[in-house]
Amino acid sequence: MININLFFIFVITVLLSIFFLFQPHKVDQKILQDMPLLHIENFIMYELDPFGLKTLMLGSEAFRYKDRYTVDNINHTDHSQVHISNLRADYGIYKDNTLDLTGDVTLVRDDGLSYKTQKASFYKDKGVFVTDTNYTLSQGNNVIHGTYLDHNNFTGKIHSKNINAKYYINEDK
């Protein structure tokens, strides 16, 4: 009887010691607020309207977040503007009808107008292509180099800074 009582006292003492003397291991908790909802390889997205295909976006890999898509090796063709345009870049973020592009950005339109730069934004609703880095614009033999470009596809107006241009004018005979 004494051995059982001593055993219970020993067990209770050990349990109380564990409870009061040992502290749990602190684990840092991280709240992941910006976690991808979807991961897609060989990404293809079609945007349709009542008249047919409006936008085609391709990429080697994409992540869908709550508010945007991120796309590697983005290839974006837009049929909704006055001119059909194709944008390509190493990386793109598509959010709120805006494409933010980085790395070997090229835009080619169906009329032969093209841009090359390293960073640009395309505002689909406004039809505006903007870059604030060095760029090259070409159409046929005409070439313009500059450090800033704002081109409105709807109006055809181009604003640029620090340009160096080689422009050929055809004269009527």
N, C-alpha and C. Protein backbone atom coordinates (compact mmCIF):
# COMPACT_ATOMS: atom_id res chain seq x y z
N MET A 1 0.82 -1.19 0.00
CA MET A 1 0.00 0.00 0.00
C MET A 1 0.87 1.25 0.00
N ILE A 2 1.95 1.22 0.73
CA ILE A 2 2.83 2.37 0.80
C ILE A 2 3.51 2.58 -0.56
N ASN A 3 3.84 1.50 -1.24
CA ASN A 3 4.50 1.61 -2.54
C ASN A 3 3.59 2.25 -3.58
N ILE A 4 2.32 1.93 -3.53
CA ILE A 4 1.36 2.51 -4.49
C ILE A 4 1.19 3.99 -4.20
N ASN A 5 1.09 4.36 -2.94
CA ASN A 5 0.96 5.78 -2.59
C ASN A 5 2.22 6.55 -3.00
N LEU A 6 3.39 5.97 -2.76
CA LEU A 6 4.63 6.62 -3.16
C LEU A 6 4.71 6.75 -4.69
N PHE A 7 4.25 5.74 -5.39
CA PHE A 7 4.24 5.78 -6.86
C PHE A 7 3.34 6.92 -7.36
N PHE A 8 2.14 7.04 -6.80
CA PHE A 8 1.23 8.11 -7.20
C PHE A 8 1.80 9.49 -6.86
N ILE A 9 2.43 9.61 -5.72
CA ILE A 9 3.06 10.88 -5.34
C ILE A 9 4.18 11.21 -6.31
N PHE A 10 4.97 10.20 -6.66
CA PHE A 10 6.06 10.39 -7.62
C PHE A 10 5.51 10.84 -9.00
N VAL A 11 4.48 10.18 -9.47
CA VAL A 11 3.89 10.51 -10.78
C VAL A 11 3.31 11.93 -10.75
N ILE A 12 2.62 12.28 -9.72
CA ILE A 12 2.04 13.62 -9.59
C ILE A 12 3.14 14.66 -9.51
N THR A 13 4.21 14.38 -8.79
CA THR A 13 5.34 15.30 -8.68
C THR A 13 5.98 15.52 -10.06
N VAL A 14 6.19 14.44 -10.79
CA VAL A 14 6.79 14.55 -12.13
C VAL A 14 5.87 15.35 -13.06
N LEU A 15 4.60 15.06 -13.04
CA LEU A 15 3.65 15.78 -13.91
C LEU A 15 3.59 17.26 -13.56
N LEU A 16 3.54 17.57 -12.26
CA LEU A 16 3.54 18.98 -11.86
C LEU A 16 4.84 19.67 -12.23
N SER A 17 5.95 18.96 -12.12
CA SER A 17 7.25 19.52 -12.52
C SER A 17 7.26 19.83 -14.02
N ILE A 18 6.76 18.90 -14.82
CA ILE A 18 6.69 19.12 -16.26
C ILE A 18 5.80 20.32 -16.56
N PHE A 19 4.68 20.40 -15.89
CA PHE A 19 3.73 21.47 -16.14
C PHE A 19 4.32 22.85 -15.80
N PHE A 20 5.05 22.93 -14.65
CA PHE A 20 5.54 24.23 -14.22
C PHE A 20 6.95 24.56 -14.71
N LEU A 21 7.79 23.58 -14.94
CA LEU A 21 9.19 23.85 -15.27
C LEU A 21 9.49 23.88 -16.77
N PHE A 22 8.81 23.11 -17.56
CA PHE A 22 9.10 23.04 -18.99
C PHE A 22 8.23 24.02 -19.76
N GLN A 23 8.87 24.74 -20.65
CA GLN A 23 8.16 25.69 -21.50
C GLN A 23 8.03 25.09 -22.90
N PRO A 24 6.91 25.31 -23.56
CA PRO A 24 6.77 24.79 -24.93
C PRO A 24 7.73 25.52 -25.88
N HIS A 25 8.13 24.83 -26.91
CA HIS A 25 9.01 25.40 -27.93
C HIS A 25 8.25 26.48 -28.69
N LYS A 26 8.85 27.67 -28.77
CA LYS A 26 8.21 28.77 -29.49
C LYS A 26 8.40 28.56 -30.99
N VAL A 27 7.31 28.57 -31.72
CA VAL A 27 7.34 28.41 -33.17
C VAL A 27 6.80 29.70 -33.79
N ASP A 28 7.61 30.28 -34.69
CA ASP A 28 7.16 31.49 -35.38
C ASP A 28 6.03 31.12 -36.34
N GLN A 29 4.96 31.84 -36.23
CA GLN A 29 3.85 31.65 -37.16
C GLN A 29 3.88 32.75 -38.18
N LYS A 30 3.80 32.36 -39.44
CA LYS A 30 3.76 33.33 -40.52
C LYS A 30 2.38 33.27 -41.16
N ILE A 31 1.81 34.41 -41.31
CA ILE A 31 0.51 34.49 -41.96
C ILE A 31 0.77 34.76 -43.44
N LEU A 32 0.38 33.84 -44.28
CA LEU A 32 0.59 33.97 -45.72
C LEU A 32 -0.62 34.68 -46.32
N GLN A 33 -0.47 35.97 -46.51
CA GLN A 33 -1.58 36.75 -47.03
C GLN A 33 -1.60 36.75 -48.55
N ASP A 34 -0.45 36.60 -49.17
CA ASP A 34 -0.37 36.69 -50.62
C ASP A 34 0.07 35.35 -51.20
N MET A 35 -0.75 34.38 -51.02
CA MET A 35 -0.44 33.02 -51.46
C MET A 35 -1.17 32.73 -52.77
N PRO A 36 -0.48 32.10 -53.73
CA PRO A 36 -1.16 31.79 -54.98
C PRO A 36 -2.34 30.85 -54.77
N LEU A 37 -3.41 31.11 -55.51
CA LEU A 37 -4.59 30.25 -55.45
C LEU A 37 -4.49 29.11 -56.44
N LEU A 38 -3.71 29.33 -57.50
CA LEU A 38 -3.63 28.35 -58.57
C LEU A 38 -2.28 28.45 -59.25
N HIS A 39 -1.68 27.30 -59.57
CA HIS A 39 -0.43 27.24 -60.32
C HIS A 39 -0.73 26.53 -61.62
N ILE A 40 -0.32 27.15 -62.74
CA ILE A 40 -0.65 26.60 -64.05
C ILE A 40 0.64 26.53 -64.87
N GLU A 41 0.90 25.37 -65.47
CA GLU A 41 2.01 25.24 -66.41
C GLU A 41 1.44 25.26 -67.81
N ASN A 42 2.21 25.78 -68.75
CA ASN A 42 1.76 25.95 -70.13
C ASN A 42 0.41 26.68 -70.14
N PHE A 43 0.43 27.87 -69.62
CA PHE A 43 -0.74 28.71 -69.39
C PHE A 43 -1.32 29.22 -70.71
N ILE A 44 -2.63 29.10 -70.88
CA ILE A 44 -3.36 29.67 -72.01
C ILE A 44 -4.65 30.28 -71.47
N MET A 45 -4.89 31.56 -71.80
CA MET A 45 -6.12 32.21 -71.38
C MET A 45 -6.76 32.89 -72.59
N TYR A 46 -8.02 32.60 -72.82
CA TYR A 46 -8.79 33.23 -73.89
C TYR A 46 -9.78 34.19 -73.25
N GLU A 47 -9.85 35.41 -73.78
CA GLU A 47 -10.85 36.36 -73.34
C GLU A 47 -11.77 36.61 -74.53
N LEU A 48 -13.04 36.30 -74.35
CA LEU A 48 -14.01 36.41 -75.44
C LEU A 48 -15.00 37.53 -75.16
N ASP A 49 -15.53 38.11 -76.21
CA ASP A 49 -16.65 39.04 -76.10
C ASP A 49 -17.67 38.61 -77.16
N PRO A 50 -18.81 39.28 -77.27
CA PRO A 50 -19.84 38.84 -78.23
C PRO A 50 -19.36 38.79 -79.68
N PHE A 51 -18.26 39.49 -80.01
CA PHE A 51 -17.77 39.53 -81.38
C PHE A 51 -16.69 38.47 -81.65
N GLY A 52 -16.26 37.75 -80.62
CA GLY A 52 -15.24 36.72 -80.81
C GLY A 52 -14.08 36.87 -79.85
N LEU A 53 -12.93 36.40 -80.29
CA LEU A 53 -11.72 36.42 -79.46
C LEU A 53 -11.22 37.85 -79.29
N LYS A 54 -11.11 38.27 -78.05
CA LYS A 54 -10.65 39.62 -77.73
C LYS A 54 -9.17 39.61 -77.34
N THR A 55 -8.79 38.64 -76.52
CA THR A 55 -7.43 38.56 -76.02
C THR A 55 -7.00 37.11 -75.90
N LEU A 56 -5.75 36.86 -76.24
CA LEU A 56 -5.14 35.55 -76.05
C LEU A 56 -3.86 35.79 -75.26
N MET A 57 -3.73 35.11 -74.12
CA MET A 57 -2.53 35.25 -73.31
C MET A 57 -1.94 33.87 -73.06
N LEU A 58 -0.65 33.71 -73.36
CA LEU A 58 0.06 32.45 -73.19
C LEU A 58 1.24 32.67 -72.25
N GLY A 59 1.70 31.58 -71.66
CA GLY A 59 2.90 31.65 -70.83
C GLY A 59 3.38 30.26 -70.47
N SER A 60 4.65 30.15 -70.11
CA SER A 60 5.20 28.84 -69.74
C SER A 60 4.74 28.41 -68.35
N GLU A 61 4.49 29.40 -67.49
CA GLU A 61 4.04 29.10 -66.13
C GLU A 61 3.31 30.32 -65.61
N ALA A 62 2.24 30.09 -64.86
CA ALA A 62 1.47 31.21 -64.32
C ALA A 62 0.99 30.87 -62.92
N PHE A 63 0.81 31.92 -62.14
CA PHE A 63 0.22 31.80 -60.81
C PHE A 63 -0.97 32.76 -60.77
N ARG A 64 -2.08 32.25 -60.28
CA ARG A 64 -3.27 33.08 -60.10
C ARG A 64 -3.37 33.43 -58.62
N TYR A 65 -3.41 34.72 -58.35
CA TYR A 65 -3.62 35.22 -57.00
C TYR A 65 -5.03 35.77 -56.92
N LYS A 66 -5.40 36.23 -55.77
CA LYS A 66 -6.74 36.77 -55.58
C LYS A 66 -7.02 37.94 -56.52
N ASP A 67 -5.99 38.77 -56.77
CA ASP A 67 -6.20 40.00 -57.54
C ASP A 67 -5.41 40.10 -58.84
N ARG A 68 -4.64 39.04 -59.21
CA ARG A 68 -3.79 39.17 -60.40
C ARG A 68 -3.31 37.80 -60.88
N TYR A 69 -2.72 37.83 -62.06
CA TYR A 69 -1.99 36.69 -62.60
C TYR A 69 -0.53 37.11 -62.76
N THR A 70 0.40 36.21 -62.47
CA THR A 70 1.80 36.42 -62.81
C THR A 70 2.14 35.35 -63.83
N VAL A 71 2.83 35.75 -64.90
CA VAL A 71 3.07 34.84 -66.02
C VAL A 71 4.52 34.91 -66.45
N ASP A 72 5.18 33.76 -66.54
CA ASP A 72 6.54 33.68 -67.08
C ASP A 72 6.45 33.49 -68.59
N ASN A 73 7.37 34.12 -69.31
CA ASN A 73 7.41 34.04 -70.78
C ASN A 73 6.05 34.38 -71.38
N ILE A 74 5.57 35.54 -71.03
CA ILE A 74 4.23 35.97 -71.43
C ILE A 74 4.19 36.32 -72.92
N ASN A 75 3.09 35.92 -73.53
CA ASN A 75 2.83 36.22 -74.94
C ASN A 75 1.36 36.63 -74.99
N HIS A 76 1.11 37.92 -75.19
CA HIS A 76 -0.24 38.49 -75.08
C HIS A 76 -0.64 39.11 -76.41
N THR A 77 -1.70 38.60 -77.03
CA THR A 77 -2.22 39.16 -78.27
C THR A 77 -3.55 39.82 -77.99
N ASP A 78 -3.66 41.08 -78.41
CA ASP A 78 -4.86 41.87 -78.14
C ASP A 78 -5.55 42.22 -79.45
N HIS A 79 -6.81 41.77 -79.61
CA HIS A 79 -7.61 42.05 -80.80
C HIS A 79 -8.63 43.15 -80.55
N SER A 80 -8.65 43.75 -79.37
CA SER A 80 -9.70 44.70 -79.01
C SER A 80 -9.39 46.13 -79.44
N GLN A 81 -8.18 46.41 -79.87
CA GLN A 81 -7.77 47.77 -80.23
C GLN A 81 -7.99 48.02 -81.72
N VAL A 82 -7.65 49.22 -82.16
CA VAL A 82 -7.70 49.57 -83.57
C VAL A 82 -6.77 48.65 -84.35
N HIS A 83 -5.60 48.38 -83.80
CA HIS A 83 -4.64 47.47 -84.40
C HIS A 83 -4.49 46.23 -83.53
N ILE A 84 -4.28 45.10 -84.15
CA ILE A 84 -3.97 43.88 -83.40
C ILE A 84 -2.52 44.01 -82.95
N SER A 85 -2.29 43.80 -81.66
CA SER A 85 -0.93 43.93 -81.13
C SER A 85 -0.55 42.68 -80.36
N ASN A 86 0.74 42.37 -80.42
CA ASN A 86 1.28 41.23 -79.69
C ASN A 86 2.39 41.73 -78.79
N LEU A 87 2.27 41.43 -77.50
CA LEU A 87 3.27 41.78 -76.50
C LEU A 87 3.94 40.51 -76.00
N ARG A 88 5.25 40.56 -75.87
CA ARG A 88 6.01 39.44 -75.32
C ARG A 88 7.00 39.98 -74.30
N ALA A 89 7.24 39.18 -73.26
CA ALA A 89 8.22 39.56 -72.24
C ALA A 89 8.61 38.32 -71.45
N ASP A 90 9.71 38.45 -70.72
CA ASP A 90 10.14 37.36 -69.85
C ASP A 90 9.17 37.13 -68.71
N TYR A 91 8.54 38.21 -68.23
CA TYR A 91 7.67 38.11 -67.06
C TYR A 91 6.59 39.18 -67.15
N GLY A 92 5.38 38.83 -66.76
CA GLY A 92 4.30 39.80 -66.77
C GLY A 92 3.36 39.63 -65.60
N ILE A 93 2.78 40.72 -65.16
CA ILE A 93 1.74 40.73 -64.13
C ILE A 93 0.50 41.33 -64.77
N TYR A 94 -0.59 40.58 -64.74
CA TYR A 94 -1.85 41.05 -65.32
C TYR A 94 -2.81 41.33 -64.18
N LYS A 95 -3.17 42.62 -64.02
CA LYS A 95 -4.03 43.03 -62.93
C LYS A 95 -4.86 44.22 -63.37
N ASP A 96 -6.15 44.16 -63.15
CA ASP A 96 -7.06 45.27 -63.45
C ASP A 96 -6.90 45.79 -64.88
N ASN A 97 -6.86 44.88 -65.84
CA ASN A 97 -6.71 45.20 -67.27
C ASN A 97 -5.42 45.95 -67.58
N THR A 98 -4.40 45.74 -66.76
CA THR A 98 -3.09 46.32 -66.99
C THR A 98 -2.06 45.21 -67.00
N LEU A 99 -1.17 45.26 -67.97
CA LEU A 99 -0.04 44.33 -68.05
C LEU A 99 1.22 45.08 -67.68
N ASP A 100 1.90 44.64 -66.64
CA ASP A 100 3.21 45.17 -66.29
C ASP A 100 4.24 44.13 -66.71
N LEU A 101 5.13 44.52 -67.61
CA LEU A 101 6.04 43.58 -68.26
C LEU A 101 7.49 43.93 -67.94
N THR A 102 8.32 42.89 -67.77
CA THR A 102 9.75 43.09 -67.55
C THR A 102 10.54 42.04 -68.31
N GLY A 103 11.72 42.44 -68.76
CA GLY A 103 12.64 41.53 -69.42
C GLY A 103 12.34 41.30 -70.89
N ASP A 104 13.15 41.85 -71.78
CA ASP A 104 13.02 41.68 -73.23
C ASP A 104 11.58 41.89 -73.70
N VAL A 105 11.04 43.05 -73.41
CA VAL A 105 9.67 43.39 -73.79
C VAL A 105 9.64 43.79 -75.26
N THR A 106 8.74 43.18 -76.02
CA THR A 106 8.53 43.58 -77.42
C THR A 106 7.05 43.71 -77.68
N LEU A 107 6.70 44.72 -78.46
CA LEU A 107 5.34 44.90 -78.93
C LEU A 107 5.41 44.98 -80.45
N VAL A 108 4.58 44.19 -81.11
CA VAL A 108 4.50 44.24 -82.57
C VAL A 108 3.04 44.38 -82.93
N ARG A 109 2.76 45.38 -83.79
CA ARG A 109 1.39 45.59 -84.26
C ARG A 109 1.24 45.11 -85.69
N ASP A 110 -0.01 44.93 -86.11
CA ASP A 110 -0.28 44.43 -87.45
C ASP A 110 0.10 45.40 -88.55
N ASP A 111 0.35 46.68 -88.23
CA ASP A 111 0.77 47.65 -89.23
C ASP A 111 2.29 47.78 -89.32
N GLY A 112 3.02 46.92 -88.61
CA GLY A 112 4.48 46.92 -88.67
C GLY A 112 5.16 47.75 -87.61
N LEU A 113 4.43 48.50 -86.80
CA LEU A 113 5.01 49.28 -85.71
C LEU A 113 5.49 48.32 -84.63
N SER A 114 6.69 48.52 -84.11
CA SER A 114 7.18 47.64 -83.05
C SER A 114 8.01 48.43 -82.04
N TYR A 115 8.03 47.95 -80.81
CA TYR A 115 8.81 48.53 -79.72
C TYR A 115 9.67 47.43 -79.11
N LYS A 116 10.81 47.83 -78.60
CA LYS A 116 11.65 46.93 -77.80
C LYS A 116 12.14 47.72 -76.61
N THR A 117 12.02 47.13 -75.44
CA THR A 117 12.47 47.77 -74.21
C THR A 117 12.66 46.68 -73.15
N GLN A 118 13.00 47.07 -71.93
CA GLN A 118 13.19 46.10 -70.85
C GLN A 118 12.08 46.13 -69.81
N LYS A 119 11.26 47.17 -69.83
CA LYS A 119 10.20 47.30 -68.84
C LYS A 119 9.10 48.18 -69.42
N ALA A 120 7.85 47.73 -69.31
CA ALA A 120 6.76 48.52 -69.88
C ALA A 120 5.44 48.15 -69.21
N SER A 121 4.45 49.01 -69.40
CA SER A 121 3.08 48.74 -68.95
C SER A 121 2.14 48.96 -70.13
N PHE A 122 1.14 48.12 -70.23
CA PHE A 122 0.12 48.25 -71.27
C PHE A 122 -1.23 48.34 -70.57
N TYR A 123 -1.89 49.50 -70.73
CA TYR A 123 -3.19 49.75 -70.12
C TYR A 123 -4.25 49.43 -71.17
N LYS A 124 -4.83 48.24 -71.06
CA LYS A 124 -5.72 47.74 -72.11
C LYS A 124 -6.94 48.64 -72.33
N ASP A 125 -7.59 49.08 -71.27
CA ASP A 125 -8.80 49.89 -71.41
C ASP A 125 -8.54 51.23 -72.11
N LYS A 126 -7.37 51.79 -71.89
CA LYS A 126 -7.02 53.09 -72.48
C LYS A 126 -6.27 52.91 -73.80
N GLY A 127 -5.78 51.68 -74.08
CA GLY A 127 -5.00 51.45 -75.28
C GLY A 127 -3.65 52.13 -75.24
N VAL A 128 -3.06 52.24 -74.05
CA VAL A 128 -1.83 53.00 -73.87
C VAL A 128 -0.68 52.06 -73.50
N PHE A 129 0.44 52.24 -74.20
CA PHE A 129 1.68 51.51 -73.94
C PHE A 129 2.68 52.52 -73.39
N VAL A 130 3.26 52.24 -72.20
CA VAL A 130 4.17 53.19 -71.55
C VAL A 130 5.43 52.47 -71.11
N THR A 131 6.56 53.10 -71.36
CA THR A 131 7.82 52.64 -70.80
C THR A 131 8.62 53.85 -70.35
N ASP A 132 9.30 53.72 -69.22
CA ASP A 132 10.14 54.82 -68.74
C ASP A 132 11.61 54.40 -68.74
N THR A 133 11.93 53.43 -69.58
CA THR A 133 13.32 53.00 -69.77
C THR A 133 13.69 53.17 -71.24
N ASN A 134 14.94 52.94 -71.55
CA ASN A 134 15.39 53.04 -72.95
C ASN A 134 14.54 52.13 -73.82
N TYR A 135 14.20 52.63 -75.00
CA TYR A 135 13.37 51.85 -75.92
C TYR A 135 13.82 52.09 -77.35
N THR A 136 13.39 51.21 -78.23
CA THR A 136 13.56 51.37 -79.66
C THR A 136 12.20 51.17 -80.30
N LEU A 137 11.77 52.15 -81.09
CA LEU A 137 10.52 52.07 -81.84
C LEU A 137 10.91 51.99 -83.31
N SER A 138 10.28 51.09 -84.04
CA SER A 138 10.57 51.01 -85.47
C SER A 138 9.30 50.72 -86.25
N GLN A 139 9.32 51.22 -87.49
CA GLN A 139 8.26 50.92 -88.44
C GLN A 139 8.90 51.05 -89.82
N GLY A 140 9.08 49.92 -90.47
CA GLY A 140 9.81 49.93 -91.73
C GLY A 140 11.25 50.33 -91.49
N ASN A 141 11.75 51.32 -92.27
CA ASN A 141 13.12 51.80 -92.10
C ASN A 141 13.24 52.88 -91.03
N ASN A 142 12.13 53.36 -90.52
CA ASN A 142 12.12 54.42 -89.52
C ASN A 142 12.41 53.83 -88.14
N VAL A 143 13.37 54.47 -87.44
CA VAL A 143 13.78 53.98 -86.12
C VAL A 143 13.91 55.16 -85.17
N ILE A 144 13.35 55.01 -83.98
CA ILE A 144 13.46 56.03 -82.94
C ILE A 144 13.96 55.37 -81.66
N HIS A 145 14.95 56.00 -81.03
CA HIS A 145 15.46 55.56 -79.73
C HIS A 145 15.12 56.66 -78.73
N GLY A 146 14.72 56.29 -77.53
CA GLY A 146 14.40 57.28 -76.51
C GLY A 146 14.47 56.68 -75.13
N THR A 147 14.14 57.52 -74.13
CA THR A 147 14.21 57.08 -72.73
C THR A 147 12.85 57.02 -72.06
N TYR A 148 11.81 57.49 -72.74
CA TYR A 148 10.46 57.43 -72.21
C TYR A 148 9.51 57.40 -73.40
N LEU A 149 8.45 56.60 -73.29
CA LEU A 149 7.48 56.49 -74.37
C LEU A 149 6.09 56.31 -73.79
N ASP A 150 5.15 57.07 -74.32
CA ASP A 150 3.74 56.95 -73.98
C ASP A 150 3.00 56.96 -75.31
N HIS A 151 2.48 55.80 -75.72
CA HIS A 151 1.83 55.69 -77.02
C HIS A 151 0.38 55.27 -76.83
N ASN A 152 -0.54 56.08 -77.36
CA ASN A 152 -1.96 55.79 -77.29
C ASN A 152 -2.38 55.13 -78.60
N ASN A 153 -2.79 53.86 -78.54
CA ASN A 153 -3.20 53.14 -79.74
C ASN A 153 -4.52 53.66 -80.31
N PHE A 154 -5.36 54.27 -79.49
CA PHE A 154 -6.64 54.80 -79.97
C PHE A 154 -6.45 56.07 -80.80
N THR A 155 -5.62 56.98 -80.30
CA THR A 155 -5.44 58.26 -80.97
C THR A 155 -4.22 58.28 -81.89
N GLY A 156 -3.28 57.36 -81.68
CA GLY A 156 -2.05 57.34 -82.47
C GLY A 156 -1.00 58.32 -81.96
N LYS A 157 -1.29 59.05 -80.89
CA LYS A 157 -0.35 60.03 -80.35
C LYS A 157 0.76 59.35 -79.56
N ILE A 158 1.98 59.86 -79.77
CA ILE A 158 3.16 59.33 -79.08
C ILE A 158 3.85 60.48 -78.36
N HIS A 159 4.15 60.29 -77.09
CA HIS A 159 4.95 61.24 -76.31
C HIS A 159 6.24 60.51 -75.97
N SER A 160 7.36 61.18 -76.17
CA SER A 160 8.65 60.55 -75.91
C SER A 160 9.63 61.59 -75.39
N LYS A 161 10.71 61.11 -74.77
CA LYS A 161 11.75 61.98 -74.24
C LYS A 161 13.10 61.51 -74.76
N ASN A 162 14.01 62.48 -74.94
CA ASN A 162 15.40 62.21 -75.31
C ASN A 162 15.49 61.30 -76.53
N ILE A 163 14.86 61.72 -77.61
CA ILE A 163 14.82 60.84 -78.77
C ILE A 163 15.98 61.09 -79.73
N ASN A 164 16.32 60.03 -80.40
CA ASN A 164 17.27 60.04 -81.50
C ASN A 164 16.57 59.27 -82.60
N ALA A 165 16.27 59.96 -83.72
CA ALA A 165 15.42 59.34 -84.74
C ALA A 165 16.10 59.31 -86.09
N LYS A 166 15.80 58.26 -86.82
CA LYS A 166 16.15 58.13 -88.22
C LYS A 166 14.84 57.89 -88.93
N TYR A 167 14.34 58.93 -89.60
CA TYR A 167 13.00 58.88 -90.16
C TYR A 167 13.05 59.23 -91.64
N TYR A 168 12.47 58.39 -92.46
CA TYR A 168 12.48 58.59 -93.91
C TYR A 168 11.12 59.11 -94.35
N ILE A 169 11.13 60.22 -95.07
CA ILE A 169 9.90 60.84 -95.55
C ILE A 169 9.81 60.61 -97.05
N ASN A 170 8.68 60.09 -97.49
CA ASN A 170 8.44 59.90 -98.91
C ASN A 170 7.78 61.15 -99.47
N GLU A 171 8.37 61.69 -100.53
CA GLU A 171 7.80 62.86 -101.17
C GLU A 171 6.99 62.44 -102.39
N ASP A 172 5.86 63.08 -102.56
CA ASP A 172 5.04 62.82 -103.75
C ASP A 172 5.72 63.48 -104.95
N LYS A 173 5.67 62.81 -106.10
CA LYS A 173 6.29 63.35 -107.32
C LYS A 173 5.31 64.10 -108.14
